[in-house]
Amino acid sequence: MNIIVCIKQVLAGDQVKINPHTLSLMRSAECSIINPFDLFALNIAGRLKKQYSGSITAVTMGPKISEEALWEALAIGADRAILLSDPRFATSDTLATSYVLGMGIRKIGKFDLILCGMRTTDSDTAQVGPQLAEELDIPHVTNVEKLEKKKNLFITERLSDGFREILEVSAPALFTISSKAATRLPNLIEIQEAHTQHSIECWNLEELDADPTKVGSAGSRTWVEELIPITREKSCDFIEGEPRQQAKSLFSKLFEKNLLS
């Protein structure tokens, strides 16, 4: 079974900074991590590889520092790692990103399965997985918790609107993996082996034979117009009196602020 796992390097939650001029994220290697939701997809891929044999190819789009996420994917169990990197890919929205990933997957060639994290911790749109499936014209299922293979069908299980669904999907297909699936981080030995036994391939726009009008800001249909910082004001009121009177005063204040009905 040939499995492709799409991953992304994201900024750690407390390290997010915005460039005030470009309104884009300011990325740095020391503040970046592999998207936590992609770890669930990598784990499922590893289990399927062990159960049915095959190979895992990890793919990401981003600047050179995104290689760190690919090294981690190799340490977890990926057999091949590909970085789609070109300055012209910068500022791509989810649509342009899906196009670039799609061109990369077409260059890779035959595959049975594409796995993605359910969403990312930075943009949190959950759009790239379904958009990539549309780009490649293959079926997809989101929020998958369990996944098995039966001949040329994938049996998926997920929770949707309070109902547990079991769906049969023909290969090739794309699934986004729920955060309820199991996950793990690589140990130091696995990280060392990844660096000594593997290398990372890097493909730019020309090597992908991609259309420059479909990548970066030119290929994006959404963009950031303005960022408005949210200021929070805090105040503390001390309520005097006996406990019963304090409770009555507190109730009145909460009622006045529409915090109680």
Protein backbone atom coordinates (compact mmCIF):
# COMPACT_ATOMS: atom_id res chain seq x y z
CA MET A 1 0.00 0.00 0.00
CA ASN A 2 1.43 3.39 -1.04
CA ILE A 3 0.45 6.00 1.55
CA ILE A 4 1.02 9.76 1.31
CA VAL A 5 0.76 11.83 4.49
CA CYS A 6 0.44 15.61 4.12
CA ILE A 7 1.93 17.45 7.08
CA LYS A 8 2.63 21.05 8.04
CA GLN A 9 5.07 22.87 10.26
CA VAL A 10 3.27 25.34 12.51
CA LEU A 11 4.25 27.87 15.14
CA ALA A 12 3.98 26.82 18.76
CA GLY A 13 0.82 28.28 20.27
CA ASP A 14 2.58 30.82 22.49
CA GLN A 15 5.06 31.88 19.79
CA VAL A 16 2.68 33.28 17.18
CA LYS A 17 3.79 36.65 15.81
CA ILE A 18 2.34 38.60 12.89
CA ASN A 19 4.34 40.73 10.47
CA PRO A 20 2.56 44.11 10.71
CA HIS A 21 3.44 44.99 7.09
CA THR A 22 2.58 41.75 5.26
CA LEU A 23 -0.04 40.55 7.81
CA SER A 24 1.51 37.07 7.55
CA LEU A 25 2.92 34.76 10.22
CA MET A 26 6.56 35.29 11.17
CA ARG A 27 8.11 31.81 11.16
CA SER A 28 11.33 30.63 12.73
CA ALA A 29 12.75 27.14 13.25
CA GLU A 30 13.16 27.45 17.01
CA CYS A 31 9.51 28.44 17.48
CA SER A 32 8.04 25.83 15.11
CA ILE A 33 6.71 22.32 15.60
CA ILE A 34 5.01 19.68 13.49
CA ASN A 35 1.27 20.28 13.45
CA PRO A 36 -0.01 18.14 16.37
CA PHE A 37 -3.03 16.95 14.38
CA ASP A 38 -0.74 15.54 11.66
CA LEU A 39 0.79 13.17 14.20
CA PHE A 40 -2.51 11.26 14.28
CA ALA A 41 -2.33 10.81 10.50
CA LEU A 42 1.30 9.62 10.69
CA ASN A 43 0.38 7.12 13.38
CA ILE A 44 -2.49 5.66 11.35
CA ALA A 45 -0.19 5.46 8.32
CA GLY A 46 2.40 3.56 10.33
CA ARG A 47 -0.18 1.08 11.58
CA LEU A 48 -1.51 0.46 8.05
CA LYS A 49 2.02 0.01 6.71
CA LYS A 50 2.76 -2.56 9.39
CA GLN A 51 -0.51 -4.37 8.84
CA TYR A 52 -0.66 -4.38 5.03
CA SER A 53 2.98 -3.59 4.07
CA GLY A 54 3.89 -0.74 1.74
CA SER A 55 5.52 2.67 2.01
CA ILE A 56 4.82 6.08 3.53
CA THR A 57 5.73 9.36 1.83
CA ALA A 58 5.53 12.54 3.91
CA VAL A 59 4.88 15.77 1.98
CA THR A 60 4.81 19.36 3.12
CA MET A 61 4.76 22.79 1.51
CA GLY A 62 6.75 25.57 3.13
CA PRO A 63 10.11 27.32 3.49
CA LYS A 64 13.41 25.53 4.11
CA ILE A 65 12.79 25.37 7.89
CA SER A 66 9.84 23.04 7.21
CA GLU A 67 12.38 20.26 6.77
CA GLU A 68 12.30 19.88 10.56
CA ALA A 69 8.72 18.59 10.36
CA LEU A 70 9.76 16.13 7.66
CA TRP A 71 12.69 14.81 9.74
CA GLU A 72 10.21 14.13 12.53
CA ALA A 73 7.90 12.32 10.11
CA LEU A 74 10.83 10.15 8.99
CA ALA A 75 11.64 9.39 12.62
CA ILE A 76 8.06 8.30 13.23
CA GLY A 77 8.10 5.89 10.29
CA ALA A 78 7.91 7.63 6.92
CA ASP A 79 10.10 6.11 4.18
CA ARG A 80 10.38 9.20 1.98
CA ALA A 81 10.12 12.94 2.63
CA ILE A 82 9.39 15.68 0.07
CA LEU A 83 9.48 19.44 0.64
CA LEU A 84 7.57 21.61 -1.83
CA SER A 85 9.38 24.91 -1.47
CA ASP A 86 9.56 28.04 -3.60
CA PRO A 87 9.38 31.76 -2.68
CA ARG A 88 6.46 32.00 -5.08
CA PHE A 89 4.44 29.65 -2.85
CA ALA A 90 4.51 32.20 -0.01
CA THR A 91 1.17 33.71 1.18
CA SER A 92 -0.80 30.86 -0.42
CA ASP A 93 -4.28 30.40 1.05
CA THR A 94 -5.80 26.93 1.45
CA LEU A 95 -6.88 26.77 -2.21
CA ALA A 96 -3.41 27.60 -3.55
CA THR A 97 -1.83 25.27 -0.99
CA SER A 98 -4.08 22.41 -2.11
CA TYR A 99 -3.07 23.06 -5.71
CA VAL A 100 0.66 22.88 -4.89
CA LEU A 101 0.20 19.71 -2.82
CA GLY A 102 -1.85 18.22 -5.66
CA MET A 103 0.91 18.94 -8.17
CA GLY A 104 3.45 17.36 -5.83
CA ILE A 105 1.34 14.23 -5.43
CA ARG A 106 0.89 13.97 -9.21
CA LYS A 107 4.68 14.06 -9.55
CA ILE A 108 5.03 11.32 -6.91
CA GLY A 109 2.79 9.11 -9.00
CA LYS A 110 0.70 6.11 -7.98
CA PHE A 111 -0.79 6.06 -4.48
CA ASP A 112 -3.55 4.21 -2.67
CA LEU A 113 -4.22 6.56 0.20
CA ILE A 114 -3.67 10.15 1.31
CA LEU A 115 -3.91 11.00 5.00
CA CYS A 116 -4.07 14.49 6.51
CA GLY A 117 -4.52 15.92 9.96
CA MET A 118 -8.08 17.02 10.63
CA ARG A 119 -6.94 20.65 10.89
CA THR A 120 -3.93 22.78 11.76
CA THR A 121 -3.31 24.73 14.94
CA ASP A 122 -2.43 27.96 13.10
CA SER A 123 -5.15 28.66 10.51
CA ASP A 124 -7.60 26.07 11.90
CA THR A 125 -9.72 25.98 8.72
CA ALA A 126 -9.85 22.19 8.11
CA GLN A 127 -10.09 23.03 4.39
CA VAL A 128 -6.88 21.68 2.84
CA GLY A 129 -7.81 17.99 3.11
CA PRO A 130 -11.17 18.24 1.32
CA GLN A 131 -9.80 20.78 -1.18
CA LEU A 132 -6.89 18.48 -2.01
CA ALA A 133 -9.31 15.61 -2.62
CA GLU A 134 -11.27 17.82 -5.02
CA GLU A 135 -8.04 18.90 -6.72
CA LEU A 136 -7.12 15.25 -7.32
CA ASP A 137 -10.74 14.21 -8.05
CA ILE A 138 -10.75 11.40 -5.48
CA PRO A 139 -13.29 10.53 -2.73
CA HIS A 140 -12.64 11.70 0.81
CA VAL A 141 -13.95 11.31 4.36
CA THR A 142 -13.21 13.71 7.20
CA ASN A 143 -12.73 13.16 10.93
CA VAL A 144 -11.92 9.45 10.60
CA GLU A 145 -11.32 7.62 13.89
CA LYS A 146 -10.79 4.06 12.63
CA LEU A 147 -9.52 2.86 9.27
CA GLU A 148 -9.16 -0.63 7.81
CA LYS A 149 -8.56 -2.03 4.31
CA LYS A 150 -10.64 -4.74 2.69
CA LYS A 151 -9.53 -5.66 -0.84
CA ASN A 152 -9.88 -2.42 -2.84
CA LEU A 153 -12.06 -0.72 -0.22
CA PHE A 154 -11.23 1.32 2.85
CA ILE A 155 -13.61 0.89 5.79
CA THR A 156 -13.78 4.09 7.80
CA GLU A 157 -15.52 4.89 11.06
CA ARG A 158 -16.27 8.35 12.39
CA LEU A 159 -18.61 10.30 14.64
CA SER A 160 -20.83 12.78 12.77
CA ASP A 161 -23.67 14.84 14.25
CA GLY A 162 -23.95 12.46 17.18
CA PHE A 163 -24.15 9.37 14.96
CA ARG A 164 -21.39 6.82 14.40
CA GLU A 165 -20.93 6.28 10.67
CA ILE A 166 -19.21 3.38 8.92
CA LEU A 167 -18.35 4.19 5.31
CA GLU A 168 -16.83 2.08 2.53
CA VAL A 169 -14.64 4.08 0.15
CA SER A 170 -12.84 2.85 -2.95
CA ALA A 171 -9.13 3.50 -3.47
CA PRO A 172 -7.46 5.86 -4.10
CA ALA A 173 -8.97 8.08 -1.42
CA LEU A 174 -8.15 10.84 1.07
CA PHE A 175 -9.01 10.83 4.77
CA THR A 176 -8.50 13.43 7.47
CA ILE A 177 -7.79 11.77 10.79
CA SER A 178 -9.60 12.59 14.03
CA SER A 179 -7.66 13.66 17.11
CA LYS A 180 -9.28 10.69 18.88
CA ALA A 181 -6.89 8.35 17.10
CA ALA A 182 -3.73 7.29 18.94
CA THR A 183 -0.46 9.19 18.50
CA ARG A 184 3.14 9.14 19.64
CA LEU A 185 6.36 11.16 19.38
CA PRO A 186 9.67 9.74 18.12
CA ASN A 187 12.45 8.91 20.56
CA LEU A 188 16.06 10.12 20.25
CA ILE A 189 17.27 6.92 18.58
CA GLU A 190 14.55 7.17 15.91
CA ILE A 191 15.45 10.82 15.28
CA GLN A 192 19.14 9.94 14.89
CA GLU A 193 18.35 7.07 12.52
CA ALA A 194 16.15 9.35 10.42
CA HIS A 195 19.04 11.77 9.87
CA THR A 196 21.56 9.05 9.07
CA GLN A 197 19.40 6.81 6.88
CA HIS A 198 17.25 9.29 4.95
CA SER A 199 17.39 12.49 2.94
CA ILE A 200 14.78 15.09 2.03
CA GLU A 201 13.84 15.87 -1.57
CA CYS A 202 12.96 19.47 -2.43
CA TRP A 203 10.84 20.44 -5.44
CA ASN A 204 10.22 24.00 -6.64
CA LEU A 205 7.58 25.43 -8.97
CA GLU A 206 9.36 24.42 -12.19
CA GLU A 207 10.02 20.87 -10.97
CA LEU A 208 6.32 20.54 -10.18
CA ASP A 209 5.39 21.99 -13.58
CA ALA A 210 2.92 24.14 -11.65
CA ASP A 211 1.03 27.15 -12.99
CA PRO A 212 2.46 30.31 -11.32
CA THR A 213 -0.95 31.98 -11.50
CA LYS A 214 -2.36 29.30 -9.15
CA VAL A 215 0.16 29.64 -6.33
CA GLY A 216 0.98 32.28 -3.72
CA SER A 217 -1.10 35.43 -3.57
CA ALA A 218 -1.88 35.18 -7.30
CA GLY A 219 -3.61 31.84 -6.83
CA SER A 220 -5.31 32.67 -3.54
CA ARG A 221 -8.98 33.58 -3.30
CA THR A 222 -8.82 34.70 0.33
CA TRP A 223 -6.46 37.12 2.03
CA VAL A 224 -6.06 39.14 5.22
CA GLU A 225 -7.28 42.72 4.82
CA GLU A 226 -6.70 43.91 8.37
CA LEU A 227 -5.78 42.72 11.85
CA ILE A 228 -7.42 44.39 14.83
CA PRO A 229 -5.89 43.63 18.25
CA ILE A 230 -8.44 42.79 20.92
CA THR A 231 -7.89 44.57 24.19
CA ARG A 232 -9.27 43.11 27.40
CA GLU A 233 -9.98 45.20 30.44
CA LYS A 234 -10.11 43.67 33.87
CA SER A 235 -11.55 45.04 37.08
CA CYS A 236 -12.09 43.67 40.56
CA ASP A 237 -14.97 44.63 42.86
CA PHE A 238 -14.94 43.73 46.54
CA ILE A 239 -18.35 42.98 48.01
CA GLU A 240 -18.73 43.99 51.65
CA GLY A 241 -21.16 42.67 54.24
CA GLU A 242 -22.30 39.39 55.72
CA PRO A 243 -22.23 36.21 53.55
CA ARG A 244 -25.97 36.37 52.82
CA GLN A 245 -25.73 40.03 51.82
CA GLN A 246 -22.62 39.32 49.72
CA ALA A 247 -24.43 36.55 47.85
CA LYS A 248 -27.39 38.84 47.19
CA SER A 249 -25.12 41.64 45.92
CA LEU A 250 -23.19 39.21 43.70
CA PHE A 251 -26.41 37.88 42.21
CA SER A 252 -27.59 41.43 41.44
CA LYS A 253 -24.32 42.37 39.74
CA LEU A 254 -24.32 39.23 37.58
CA PHE A 255 -27.95 39.84 36.64
CA GLU A 256 -27.19 43.46 35.66
CA LYS A 257 -24.40 42.26 33.35
CA ASN A 258 -26.72 39.70 31.70
CA LEU A 259 -24.60 36.86 33.03
CA LEU A 260 -27.66 35.31 34.66
CA SER A 261 -31.18 35.00 33.32
